[in-house]
C-alpha atoms as a PDB file:
ATOM      1  CA  UNK A   1     110.575  52.915  78.461  1.00  0.00           C
ATOM      2  CA  UNK A   2     110.007  49.584  76.705  1.00  0.00           C
ATOM      3  CA  UNK A   3     106.696  49.061  74.895  1.00  0.00           C
ATOM      4  CA  UNK A   4     105.358  45.606  74.020  1.00  0.00           C
ATOM      5  CA  UNK A   5     102.322  44.611  71.984  1.00  0.00           C
ATOM      6  CA  UNK A   6     100.494  41.893  73.892  1.00  0.00           C
ATOM      7  CA  UNK A   7     101.831  39.530  76.510  1.00  0.00           C
ATOM      8  CA  UNK A   8     105.295  38.095  75.815  1.00  0.00           C
ATOM      9  CA  UNK A   9     105.198  34.786  73.987  1.00  0.00           C
ATOM     10  CA  UNK A  10     108.852  33.822  74.382  1.00  0.00           C
ATOM     11  CA  UNK A  11     108.285  32.562  77.925  1.00  0.00           C
ATOM     12  CA  UNK A  12     107.001  29.036  77.428  1.00  0.00           C
ATOM     13  CA  UNK A  13     105.220  27.104  80.127  1.00  0.00           C
ATOM     14  CA  UNK A  14     108.394  25.224  81.085  1.00  0.00           C
ATOM     15  CA  UNK A  15     109.742  26.009  84.531  1.00  0.00           C
ATOM     16  CA  UNK A  16     113.246  26.530  83.139  1.00  0.00           C
ATOM     17  CA  UNK A  17     112.120  29.404  80.935  1.00  0.00           C
ATOM     18  CA  UNK A  18     109.837  30.773  83.631  1.00  0.00           C
ATOM     19  CA  UNK A  19     112.783  30.998  86.013  1.00  0.00           C
ATOM     20  CA  UNK A  20     114.799  32.987  83.441  1.00  0.00           C
ATOM     21  CA  UNK A  21     112.040  35.525  82.756  1.00  0.00           C
ATOM     22  CA  UNK A  22     112.537  39.013  84.250  1.00  0.00           C
ATOM     23  CA  UNK A  23     110.265  39.684  87.232  1.00  0.00           C
ATOM     24  CA  UNK A  24     108.207  42.874  87.421  1.00  0.00           C
ATOM     25  CA  UNK A  25     106.033  44.966  89.702  1.00  0.00           C
ATOM     26  CA  UNK A  26     102.786  45.248  87.770  1.00  0.00           C
ATOM     27  CA  UNK A  27      99.628  47.282  87.631  1.00  0.00           C
ATOM     28  CA  UNK A  28      96.690  46.790  85.264  1.00  0.00           C
ATOM     29  CA  UNK A  29      94.031  49.078  83.866  1.00  0.00           C
ATOM     30  CA  UNK A  30      92.791  51.317  81.067  1.00  0.00           C
ATOM     31  CA  UNK A  31      94.325  54.487  82.570  1.00  0.00           C
ATOM     32  CA  UNK A  32      92.221  56.756  80.366  1.00  0.00           C
ATOM     33  CA  UNK A  33      93.248  60.312  81.183  1.00  0.00           C
ATOM     34  CA  UNK A  34      96.092  59.286  83.532  1.00  0.00           C
ATOM     35  CA  UNK A  35      94.422  61.432  86.194  1.00  0.00           C
ATOM     36  CA  UNK A  36      95.588  62.018  89.788  1.00  0.00           C
ATOM     37  CA  UNK A  37      94.122  58.698  90.914  1.00  0.00           C
ATOM     38  CA  UNK A  38      96.116  56.878  88.238  1.00  0.00           C
ATOM     39  CA  UNK A  39      99.204  58.917  89.077  1.00  0.00           C
ATOM     40  CA  UNK A  40      98.940  58.005  92.767  1.00  0.00           C
ATOM     41  CA  UNK A  41      98.661  54.331  91.805  1.00  0.00           C
ATOM     42  CA  UNK A  42     101.678  54.522  89.497  1.00  0.00           C
ATOM     43  CA  UNK A  43     103.749  56.380  92.099  1.00  0.00           C
ATOM     44  CA  UNK A  44     102.898  53.752  94.720  1.00  0.00           C
ATOM     45  CA  UNK A  45     103.845  51.061  92.219  1.00  0.00           C
ATOM     46  CA  UNK A  46     107.221  52.731  91.675  1.00  0.00           C
ATOM     47  CA  UNK A  47     107.895  52.865  95.410  1.00  0.00           C
ATOM     48  CA  UNK A  48     106.994  49.195  95.828  1.00  0.00           C
ATOM     49  CA  UNK A  49     109.129  48.230  92.826  1.00  0.00           C
ATOM     50  CA  UNK A  50     112.119  50.165  94.125  1.00  0.00           C
ATOM     51  CA  UNK A  51     111.939  48.500  97.548  1.00  0.00           C
ATOM     52  CA  UNK A  52     111.876  45.071  95.856  1.00  0.00           C
ATOM     53  CA  UNK A  53     114.467  45.789  93.182  1.00  0.00           C
ATOM     54  CA  UNK A  54     111.966  45.242  90.358  1.00  0.00           C
ATOM     55  CA  UNK A  55     111.178  47.169  87.178  1.00  0.00           C
ATOM     56  CA  UNK A  56     107.709  48.720  86.928  1.00  0.00           C
ATOM     57  CA  UNK A  57     105.266  47.414  84.335  1.00  0.00           C
ATOM     58  CA  UNK A  58     101.825  48.541  83.185  1.00  0.00           C
ATOM     59  CA  UNK A  59      99.370  46.277  81.399  1.00  0.00           C
ATOM     60  CA  UNK A  60      96.762  48.242  79.463  1.00  0.00           C
ATOM     61  CA  UNK A  61      94.276  47.572  76.670  1.00  0.00           C
ATOM     62  CA  UNK A  62      93.483  48.794  73.163  1.00  0.00           C
ATOM     63  CA  UNK A  63      90.710  49.447  72.372  1.00  0.00           C
ATOM     64  CA  UNK A  64      89.001  50.317  75.644  1.00  0.00           C
ATOM     65  CA  UNK A  65      86.830  47.290  76.558  1.00  0.00           C
ATOM     66  CA  UNK A  66      83.671  49.395  76.411  1.00  0.00           C
ATOM     67  CA  UNK A  67      84.599  50.438  72.877  1.00  0.00           C
ATOM     68  CA  UNK A  68      84.805  46.759  71.958  1.00  0.00           C
ATOM     69  CA  UNK A  69      81.477  45.786  73.522  1.00  0.00           C
ATOM     70  CA  UNK A  70      79.481  48.974  72.759  1.00  0.00           C
ATOM     71  CA  UNK A  71      81.277  50.975  70.038  1.00  0.00           C
ATOM     72  CA  UNK A  72      78.393  53.450  69.579  1.00  0.00           C
ATOM     73  CA  UNK A  73      77.791  53.912  73.305  1.00  0.00           C
ATOM     74  CA  UNK A  74      81.355  53.909  74.581  1.00  0.00           C
ATOM     75  CA  UNK A  75      82.490  56.942  76.598  1.00  0.00           C
ATOM     76  CA  UNK A  76      84.595  59.626  74.961  1.00  0.00           C
ATOM     77  CA  UNK A  77      88.310  58.940  75.047  1.00  0.00           C
ATOM     78  CA  UNK A  78      90.308  61.279  77.268  1.00  0.00           C
ATOM     79  CA  UNK A  79      93.671  60.177  75.888  1.00  0.00           C
ATOM     80  CA  UNK A  80      94.905  58.362  72.818  1.00  0.00           C
ATOM     81  CA  UNK A  81      97.283  55.434  73.255  1.00  0.00           C
ATOM     82  CA  UNK A  82     100.220  57.635  72.274  1.00  0.00           C
ATOM     83  CA  UNK A  83      99.246  60.206  74.897  1.00  0.00           C
ATOM     84  CA  UNK A  84      98.957  57.513  77.578  1.00  0.00           C
ATOM     85  CA  UNK A  85     102.389  56.181  76.685  1.00  0.00           C
ATOM     86  CA  UNK A  86     103.845  59.695  76.882  1.00  0.00           C
ATOM     87  CA  UNK A  87     102.388  60.177  80.363  1.00  0.00           C
ATOM     88  CA  UNK A  88     103.659  56.748  81.489  1.00  0.00           C
ATOM     89  CA  UNK A  89     107.145  57.709  80.331  1.00  0.00           C
ATOM     90  CA  UNK A  90     106.952  61.037  82.192  1.00  0.00           C
ATOM     91  CA  UNK A  91     106.034  59.111  85.362  1.00  0.00           C
ATOM     92  CA  UNK A  92     109.082  56.855  85.020  1.00  0.00           C
ATOM     93  CA  UNK A  93     107.388  53.563  84.112  1.00  0.00           C
ATOM     94  CA  UNK A  94     109.885  50.984  82.774  1.00  0.00           C
ATOM     95  CA  UNK A  95     107.666  48.692  80.674  1.00  0.00           C
ATOM     96  CA  UNK A  96     104.211  48.911  79.100  1.00  0.00           C
ATOM     97  CA  UNK A  97     102.287  45.947  77.669  1.00  0.00           C
ATOM     98  CA  UNK A  98      99.482  46.939  75.284  1.00  0.00           C
ATOM     99  CA  UNK A  99      97.048  44.055  74.925  1.00  0.00           C
ATOM    100  CA  UNK A 100      94.656  43.953  72.000  1.00  0.00           C
ATOM    101  CA  UNK A 101      91.183  43.713  73.487  1.00  0.00           C
ATOM    102  CA  UNK A 102      89.317  41.415  71.108  1.00  0.00           C
ATOM    103  CA  UNK A 103      86.787  38.573  71.305  1.00  0.00           C
ATOM    104  CA  UNK A 104      89.419  36.054  72.371  1.00  0.00           C
ATOM    105  CA  UNK A 105      90.725  38.287  75.138  1.00  0.00           C
ATOM    106  CA  UNK A 106      87.186  39.127  76.286  1.00  0.00           C
ATOM    107  CA  UNK A 107      86.423  35.412  76.741  1.00  0.00           C
ATOM    108  CA  UNK A 108      89.467  34.734  78.930  1.00  0.00           C
ATOM    109  CA  UNK A 109      88.405  33.571  82.385  1.00  0.00           C
ATOM    110  CA  UNK A 110      89.569  35.391  85.488  1.00  0.00           C
ATOM    111  CA  UNK A 111      91.678  32.355  86.434  1.00  0.00           C
ATOM    112  CA  UNK A 112      93.354  32.219  83.007  1.00  0.00           C
ATOM    113  CA  UNK A 113      94.024  35.957  83.121  1.00  0.00           C
ATOM    114  CA  UNK A 114      95.714  35.634  86.508  1.00  0.00           C
ATOM    115  CA  UNK A 115      97.758  32.716  85.190  1.00  0.00           C
ATOM    116  CA  UNK A 116      98.857  34.742  82.153  1.00  0.00           C
ATOM    117  CA  UNK A 117     100.077  37.786  84.075  1.00  0.00           C
ATOM    118  CA  UNK A 118     101.871  35.686  86.672  1.00  0.00           C
ATOM    119  CA  UNK A 119     103.475  33.244  84.246  1.00  0.00           C
ATOM    120  CA  UNK A 120     104.044  35.269  81.073  1.00  0.00           C
ATOM    121  CA  UNK A 121     104.819  38.553  82.788  1.00  0.00           C
ATOM    122  CA  UNK A 122     106.303  36.848  85.868  1.00  0.00           C
ATOM    123  CA  UNK A 123     104.701  39.498  88.045  1.00  0.00           C
ATOM    124  CA  UNK A 124     105.940  39.243  91.617  1.00  0.00           C
ATOM    125  CA  UNK A 125     104.063  42.257  92.912  1.00  0.00           C
ATOM    126  CA  UNK A 126     100.668  43.419  91.644  1.00  0.00           C
ATOM    127  CA  UNK A 127      98.978  46.685  92.599  1.00  0.00           C
ATOM    128  CA  UNK A 128      95.443  47.483  91.450  1.00  0.00           C
ATOM    129  CA  UNK A 129      92.663  49.898  92.310  1.00  0.00           C
ATOM    130  CA  UNK A 130      90.079  48.810  94.860  1.00  0.00           C
ATOM    131  CA  UNK A 131      87.414  48.579  92.138  1.00  0.00           C
ATOM    132  CA  UNK A 132      89.509  46.515  89.710  1.00  0.00           C
ATOM    133  CA  UNK A 133      87.666  43.735  87.842  1.00  0.00           C
ATOM    134  CA  UNK A 134      89.106  41.273  85.351  1.00  0.00           C
ATOM    135  CA  UNK A 135      88.314  38.220  83.244  1.00  0.00           C
ATOM    136  CA  UNK A 136      85.249  37.250  81.234  1.00  0.00           C
ATOM    137  CA  UNK A 137      82.095  39.079  82.372  1.00  0.00           C
ATOM    138  CA  UNK A 138      84.276  40.938  84.921  1.00  0.00           C
ATOM    139  CA  UNK A 139      84.065  37.896  87.175  1.00  0.00           C
ATOM    140  CA  UNK A 140      87.424  38.484  88.855  1.00  0.00           C
ATOM    141  CA  UNK A 141      88.004  40.971  91.662  1.00  0.00           C
ATOM    142  CA  UNK A 142      90.666  41.727  94.233  1.00  0.00           C
ATOM    143  CA  UNK A 143      89.386  39.016  96.564  1.00  0.00           C
ATOM    144  CA  UNK A 144      89.925  36.366  93.874  1.00  0.00           C
ATOM    145  CA  UNK A 145      93.308  37.811  92.948  1.00  0.00           C
ATOM    146  CA  UNK A 146      94.365  37.741  96.593  1.00  0.00           C
ATOM    147  CA  UNK A 147      93.151  34.155  96.951  1.00  0.00           C
ATOM    148  CA  UNK A 148      95.120  33.011  93.887  1.00  0.00           C
ATOM    149  CA  UNK A 149      98.264  34.945  94.767  1.00  0.00           C
ATOM    150  CA  UNK A 150      99.588  32.223  97.108  1.00  0.00           C
ATOM    151  CA  UNK A 151      99.566  29.693  94.270  1.00  0.00           C
ATOM    152  CA  UNK A 152     101.859  31.891  92.187  1.00  0.00           C
ATOM    153  CA  UNK A 153     103.977  33.358  94.967  1.00  0.00           C
ATOM    154  CA  UNK A 154     102.784  36.877  94.169  1.00  0.00           C
ATOM    155  CA  UNK A 155     102.189  39.778  96.534  1.00  0.00           C
ATOM    156  CA  UNK A 156      99.023  41.687  95.661  1.00  0.00           C
ATOM    157  CA  UNK A 157      97.752  44.983  97.026  1.00  0.00           C
ATOM    158  CA  UNK A 158      94.729  47.181  96.376  1.00  0.00           C
ATOM    159  CA  UNK A 159      94.869  50.962  96.619  1.00  0.00           C
ATOM    160  CA  UNK A 160      91.923  53.027  97.817  1.00  0.00           C
ATOM    161  CA  UNK A 161      90.320  55.645  95.592  1.00  0.00           C
ATOM    162  CA  UNK A 162      91.744  59.164  95.559  1.00  0.00           C
ATOM    163  CA  UNK A 163      89.262  61.908  96.522  1.00  0.00           C
ATOM    164  CA  UNK A 164      89.184  65.613  95.707  1.00  0.00           C
ATOM    165  CA  UNK A 165      86.587  67.667  97.607  1.00  0.00           C
ATOM    166  CA  UNK A 166      84.839  64.405  98.557  1.00  0.00           C
ATOM    167  CA  UNK A 167      84.576  63.431  94.874  1.00  0.00           C
ATOM    168  CA  UNK A 168      86.207  60.201  93.738  1.00  0.00           C
ATOM    169  CA  UNK A 169      88.689  61.015  90.995  1.00  0.00           C
ATOM    170  CA  UNK A 170      87.911  58.816  88.017  1.00  0.00           C
ATOM    171  CA  UNK A 171      87.895  58.944  84.233  1.00  0.00           C
ATOM    172  CA  UNK A 172      84.107  59.304  84.417  1.00  0.00           C
ATOM    173  CA  UNK A 173      84.414  62.321  86.724  1.00  0.00           C
ATOM    174  CA  UNK A 174      86.897  63.947  84.335  1.00  0.00           C
ATOM    175  CA  UNK A 175      84.576  63.355  81.366  1.00  0.00           C
ATOM    176  CA  UNK A 176      81.663  64.879  83.276  1.00  0.00           C
ATOM    177  CA  UNK A 177      83.399  68.158  84.061  1.00  0.00           C
ATOM    178  CA  UNK A 178      84.917  68.417  80.575  1.00  0.00           C
ATOM    179  CA  UNK A 179      81.489  67.948  78.980  1.00  0.00           C
ATOM    180  CA  UNK A 180      80.252  70.790  81.210  1.00  0.00           C
ATOM    181  CA  UNK A 181      83.146  73.006  80.097  1.00  0.00           C
ATOM    182  CA  UNK A 182      84.596  73.174  83.624  1.00  0.00           C
ATOM    183  CA  UNK A 183      88.287  73.135  82.753  1.00  0.00           C
ATOM    184  CA  UNK A 184      89.377  74.198  86.257  1.00  0.00           C
ATOM    185  CA  UNK A 185      87.677  71.147  87.777  1.00  0.00           C
ATOM    186  CA  UNK A 186      89.237  68.968  85.095  1.00  0.00           C
ATOM    187  CA  UNK A 187      92.654  70.395  85.947  1.00  0.00           C
ATOM    188  CA  UNK A 188      92.085  69.648  89.647  1.00  0.00           C
ATOM    189  CA  UNK A 189      91.334  65.990  88.768  1.00  0.00           C
ATOM    190  CA  UNK A 190      94.187  65.619  86.273  1.00  0.00           C
ATOM    191  CA  UNK A 191      96.886  67.617  88.039  1.00  0.00           C
ATOM    192  CA  UNK A 192      97.455  69.474  84.746  1.00  0.00           C
ATOM    193  CA  UNK A 193      95.458  71.259  82.074  1.00  0.00           C
ATOM    194  CA  UNK A 194      93.466  68.867  79.915  1.00  0.00           C
ATOM    195  CA  UNK A 195      95.184  68.391  76.565  1.00  0.00           C
ATOM    196  CA  UNK A 196      94.844  66.615  73.250  1.00  0.00           C
ATOM    197  CA  UNK A 197      97.707  65.890  70.895  1.00  0.00           C
ATOM    198  CA  UNK A 198      98.068  64.819  67.307  1.00  0.00           C
ATOM    199  CA  UNK A 199      99.745  65.365  63.989  1.00  0.00           C
ATOM    200  CA  UNK A 200      99.047  68.527  61.982  1.00  0.00           C
ATOM    201  CA  UNK A 201      97.215  67.496  58.816  1.00  0.00           C
ATOM    202  CA  UNK A 202      95.879  69.334  55.783  1.00  0.00           C
ATOM    203  CA  UNK A 203      92.370  70.704  56.245  1.00  0.00           C
ATOM    204  CA  UNK A 204      89.927  72.314  53.836  1.00  0.00           C
ATOM    205  CA  UNK A 205      91.545  75.747  54.054  1.00  0.00           C
ATOM    206  CA  UNK A 206      88.402  77.470  55.355  1.00  0.00           C
ATOM    207  CA  UNK A 207      90.215  79.157  58.242  1.00  0.00           C
ATOM    208  CA  UNK A 208      92.784  80.714  55.928  1.00  0.00           C
ATOM    209  CA  UNK A 209      90.068  81.951  53.556  1.00  0.00           C
ATOM    210  CA  UNK A 210      88.306  83.604  56.499  1.00  0.00           C
ATOM    211  CA  UNK A 211      91.520  85.366  57.534  1.00  0.00           C
ATOM    212  CA  UNK A 212      92.348  83.096  60.475  1.00  0.00           C
ATOM    213  CA  UNK A 213      94.674  80.270  59.337  1.00  0.00           C
ATOM    214  CA  UNK A 214      94.511  77.207  61.561  1.00  0.00           C
ATOM    215  CA  UNK A 215      96.516  74.102  62.362  1.00  0.00           C
ATOM    216  CA  UNK A 216      94.272  71.073  61.944  1.00  0.00           C
ATOM    217  CA  UNK A 217      95.102  68.455  64.564  1.00  0.00           C
ATOM    218  CA  UNK A 218      94.366  64.860  63.619  1.00  0.00           C
ATOM    219  CA  UNK A 219      91.815  63.295  65.983  1.00  0.00           C
ATOM    220  CA  UNK A 220      92.167  59.579  66.666  1.00  0.00           C
ATOM    221  CA  UNK A 221      88.586  59.181  67.900  1.00  0.00           C
ATOM    222  CA  UNK A 222      85.260  60.584  66.754  1.00  0.00           C
ATOM    223  CA  UNK A 223      83.845  61.355  70.203  1.00  0.00           C
ATOM    224  CA  UNK A 224      85.861  64.132  71.859  1.00  0.00           C
ATOM    225  CA  UNK A 225      85.096  64.672  75.562  1.00  0.00           C
ATOM    226  CA  UNK A 226      84.493  68.406  75.119  1.00  0.00           C
ATOM    227  CA  UNK A 227      83.290  70.726  72.354  1.00  0.00           C
ATOM    228  CA  UNK A 228      83.273  74.458  71.846  1.00  0.00           C
ATOM    229  CA  UNK A 229      85.654  77.386  71.419  1.00  0.00           C
ATOM    230  CA  UNK A 230      88.616  77.506  73.807  1.00  0.00           C
ATOM    231  CA  UNK A 231      91.619  79.503  74.923  1.00  0.00           C
ATOM    232  CA  UNK A 232      94.576  77.169  74.382  1.00  0.00           C
ATOM    233  CA  UNK A 233      98.307  76.823  74.726  1.00  0.00           C
ATOM    234  CA  UNK A 234     100.158  74.874  72.050  1.00  0.00           C
ATOM    235  CA  UNK A 235     103.462  73.018  72.420  1.00  0.00           C
ATOM    236  CA  UNK A 236     105.329  70.761  70.050  1.00  0.00           C
ATOM    237  CA  UNK A 237     108.651  69.377  68.874  1.00  0.00           C
ATOM    238  CA  UNK A 238     111.281  72.118  68.609  1.00  0.00           C
ATOM    239  CA  UNK A 239     108.612  74.763  69.127  1.00  0.00           C
ATOM    240  CA  UNK A 240     108.152  77.283  71.945  1.00  0.00           C
ATOM    241  CA  UNK A 241     104.954  77.387  73.972  1.00  0.00           C
ATOM    242  CA  UNK A 242     102.435  79.413  71.963  1.00  0.00           C
ATOM    243  CA  UNK A 243      99.069  81.013  72.684  1.00  0.00           C
ATOM    244  CA  UNK A 244      95.982  80.538  70.574  1.00  0.00           C
ATOM    245  CA  UNK A 245      92.279  79.914  70.261  1.00  0.00           C
ATOM    246  CA  UNK A 246      90.814  76.575  69.214  1.00  0.00           C
ATOM    247  CA  UNK A 247      87.574  75.262  67.800  1.00  0.00           C
ATOM    248  CA  UNK A 248      86.690  71.670  68.643  1.00  0.00           C
ATOM    249  CA  UNK A 249      83.472  70.410  67.111  1.00  0.00           C
ATOM    250  CA  UNK A 250      81.570  69.820  63.899  1.00  0.00           C
ATOM    251  CA  UNK A 251      81.800  73.399  62.488  1.00  0.00           C
ATOM    252  CA  UNK A 252      78.060  73.701  61.705  1.00  0.00           C
ATOM    253  CA  UNK A 253      78.389  76.918  59.675  1.00  0.00           C
ATOM    254  CA  UNK A 254      80.906  75.572  57.132  1.00  0.00           C
ATOM    255  CA  UNK A 255      80.513  71.782  57.235  1.00  0.00           C
ATOM    256  CA  UNK A 256      77.644  69.319  57.028  1.00  0.00           C
ATOM    257  CA  UNK A 257      79.447  65.992  57.508  1.00  0.00           C
ATOM    258  CA  UNK A 258      79.134  66.085  61.311  1.00  0.00           C
ATOM    259  CA  UNK A 259      82.730  64.962  61.836  1.00  0.00           C
ATOM    260  CA  UNK A 260      84.536  66.564  64.802  1.00  0.00           C
ATOM    261  CA  UNK A 261      87.555  68.692  63.914  1.00  0.00           C
ATOM    262  CA  UNK A 262      90.183  70.325  66.142  1.00  0.00           C
ATOM    263  CA  UNK A 263      91.429  73.571  64.588  1.00  0.00           C
ATOM    264  CA  UNK A 264      93.875  75.908  66.339  1.00  0.00           C
ATOM    265  CA  UNK A 265      94.595  79.496  65.368  1.00  0.00           C
ATOM    266  CA  UNK A 266      98.023  80.261  66.839  1.00  0.00           C
ATOM    267  CA  UNK A 267      98.685  83.939  67.523  1.00  0.00           C
ATOM    268  CA  UNK A 268     101.490  85.662  65.611  1.00  0.00           C
ATOM    269  CA  UNK A 269     102.601  82.461  63.928  1.00  0.00           C
ATOM    270  CA  UNK A 270     102.974  81.582  60.250  1.00  0.00           C
ATOM    271  CA  UNK A 271     105.564  78.769  60.135  1.00  0.00           C
ATOM    272  CA  UNK A 272     105.073  75.587  58.126  1.00  0.00           C
ATOM    273  CA  UNK A 273     104.128  72.869  60.636  1.00  0.00           C
ATOM    274  CA  UNK A 274     102.420  70.139  58.605  1.00  0.00           C
ATOM    275  CA  UNK A 275     103.142  66.645  60.002  1.00  0.00           C
ATOM    276  CA  UNK A 276     104.487  68.053  63.260  1.00  0.00           C
ATOM    277  CA  UNK A 277     103.046  66.553  66.438  1.00  0.00           C
ATOM    278  CA  UNK A 278     101.438  69.202  68.654  1.00  0.00           C
ATOM    279  CA  UNK A 279      99.879  69.136  72.106  1.00  0.00           C
ATOM    280  CA  UNK A 280      96.945  71.487  72.683  1.00  0.00           C
ATOM    281  CA  UNK A 281      96.213  72.440  76.300  1.00  0.00           C
ATOM    282  CA  UNK A 282      92.656  73.648  76.947  1.00  0.00           C
ATOM    283  CA  UNK A 283      92.795  76.533  79.433  1.00  0.00           C
ATOM    284  CA  UNK A 284      89.391  78.230  79.302  1.00  0.00           C
ATOM    285  CA  UNK A 285      86.123  77.761  77.456  1.00  0.00           C
ATOM    286  CA  UNK A 286      84.914  80.878  75.640  1.00  0.00           C
ATOM    287  CA  UNK A 287      81.609  79.618  74.282  1.00  0.00           C
ATOM    288  CA  UNK A 288      79.683  76.762  72.676  1.00  0.00           C
ATOM    289  CA  UNK A 289      79.638  76.104  68.954  1.00  0.00           C
ATOM    290  CA  UNK A 290      77.011  78.005  66.978  1.00  0.00           C
ATOM    291  CA  UNK A 291      75.667  77.917  63.446  1.00  0.00           C
ATOM    292  CA  UNK A 292      75.691  81.369  61.837  1.00  0.00           C
ATOM    293  CA  UNK A 293      73.520  82.478  58.886  1.00  0.00           C
ATOM    294  CA  UNK A 294      76.498  83.649  56.814  1.00  0.00           C
ATOM    295  CA  UNK A 295      80.295  83.828  56.763  1.00  0.00           C
ATOM    296  CA  UNK A 296      80.413  87.552  57.532  1.00  0.00           C
ATOM    297  CA  UNK A 297      78.856  86.972  60.959  1.00  0.00           C
ATOM    298  CA  UNK A 298      81.139  83.989  61.533  1.00  0.00           C
ATOM    299  CA  UNK A 299      84.212  86.114  60.732  1.00  0.00           C
ATOM    300  CA  UNK A 300      83.095  88.788  63.216  1.00  0.00           C
ATOM    301  CA  UNK A 301      82.611  86.126  65.890  1.00  0.00           C
ATOM    302  CA  UNK A 302      86.031  84.546  65.253  1.00  0.00           C
ATOM    303  CA  UNK A 303      87.613  87.986  65.525  1.00  0.00           C
ATOM    304  CA  UNK A 304      85.857  88.455  68.861  1.00  0.00           C
ATOM    305  CA  UNK A 305      87.032  85.024  70.020  1.00  0.00           C
ATOM    306  CA  UNK A 306      90.623  85.965  69.219  1.00  0.00           C
ATOM    307  CA  UNK A 307      90.326  89.207  71.187  1.00  0.00           C
ATOM    308  CA  UNK A 308      88.670  87.426  74.118  1.00  0.00           C
ATOM    309  CA  UNK A 309      91.425  84.808  74.175  1.00  0.00           C
ATOM    310  CA  UNK A 310      94.169  87.441  74.103  1.00  0.00           C
ATOM    311  CA  UNK A 311      92.433  89.322  76.917  1.00  0.00           C
ATOM    312  CA  UNK A 312      92.256  86.115  78.942  1.00  0.00           C
ATOM    313  CA  UNK A 313      96.003  85.580  78.575  1.00  0.00           C
ATOM    314  CA  UNK A 314      96.733  89.204  79.513  1.00  0.00           C
ATOM    315  CA  UNK A 315      94.558  88.988  82.615  1.00  0.00           C
ATOM    316  CA  UNK A 316      95.933  85.650  83.755  1.00  0.00           C
ATOM    317  CA  UNK A 317      99.556  86.544  83.020  1.00  0.00           C
ATOM    318  CA  UNK A 318      99.144  89.594  85.285  1.00  0.00           C
ATOM    319  CA  UNK A 319      97.533  87.427  87.955  1.00  0.00           C
ATOM    320  CA  UNK A 320     100.363  84.875  87.747  1.00  0.00           C
ATOM    321  CA  UNK A 321     102.947  87.648  88.049  1.00  0.00           C
ATOM    322  CA  UNK A 322     101.175  89.068  91.120  1.00  0.00           C
ATOM    323  CA  UNK A 323     101.093  85.639  92.760  1.00  0.00           C
ATOM    324  CA  UNK A 324     104.759  84.976  91.999  1.00  0.00           C
ATOM    325  CA  UNK A 325     105.747  88.434  93.246  1.00  0.00           C
ATOM    326  CA  UNK A 326     103.919  87.919  96.555  1.00  0.00           C
ATOM    327  CA  UNK A 327     105.733  84.667  97.310  1.00  0.00           C
END
């Protein structure tokens, strides 16, 4: 998969260079979470691209526009840019264009935006969601895109929302169920267990001192979509799938800075993994964060969390085996 920063600048406005530019089948959006609605859109894009002999291309933005306009009120990120790119690659996307969302981009009119994607990206097929808006003050919609498509010789289509149990699958819906600790509902919207990934960095060593060494996963954003203590599965480069328990939150008993931290205690594991990139899948929520009066009580609670997590794996492994045996 090819990744580009911004729209290509090598294609000048001259018709000669425009004619030599590679054509693409394009979709546009933030794709936060890459949930089942996004996946359906990307799969439909791939089918349309294949029938037209075109490569697939995704145009996305960094930061999220709402982070640019309202940094303190923006919704929690479901996926980092790296995670989105990994999911795009898994879905077979050929090209991704990551546009920096800044003041200049925010002021671009809907007409200029349409001109840019048709001329600089030479999009010949564009697929968007039925609620897609674009341009300054979100003035552009599918009706305008469809109206302008004739001028550029572009085919445009809008895809209807994807529903699950009469609920529209959206990034907002995923955030809502994650905030409520409903990981099964989140999985039904995502088509997979919700996960966060990042590099293992040095922490303050508190977990090791308490008898439960942890891998500290670097968080790219300060507003995680869920908090608490969780049963998790951990995967990474050259590492087998491993079971563990994770704490995601501000650690009120041992820290006062209020900064969210993702710490994972991996069962029966003591290898050196600093700087490795790990993915943490959240399988079940055990409890909310709590502030304890002393470390002795905290240690007892962590020990209980570990036992509860191991029991969860034992119970669910047996259930999975029963289901597989009955097939």
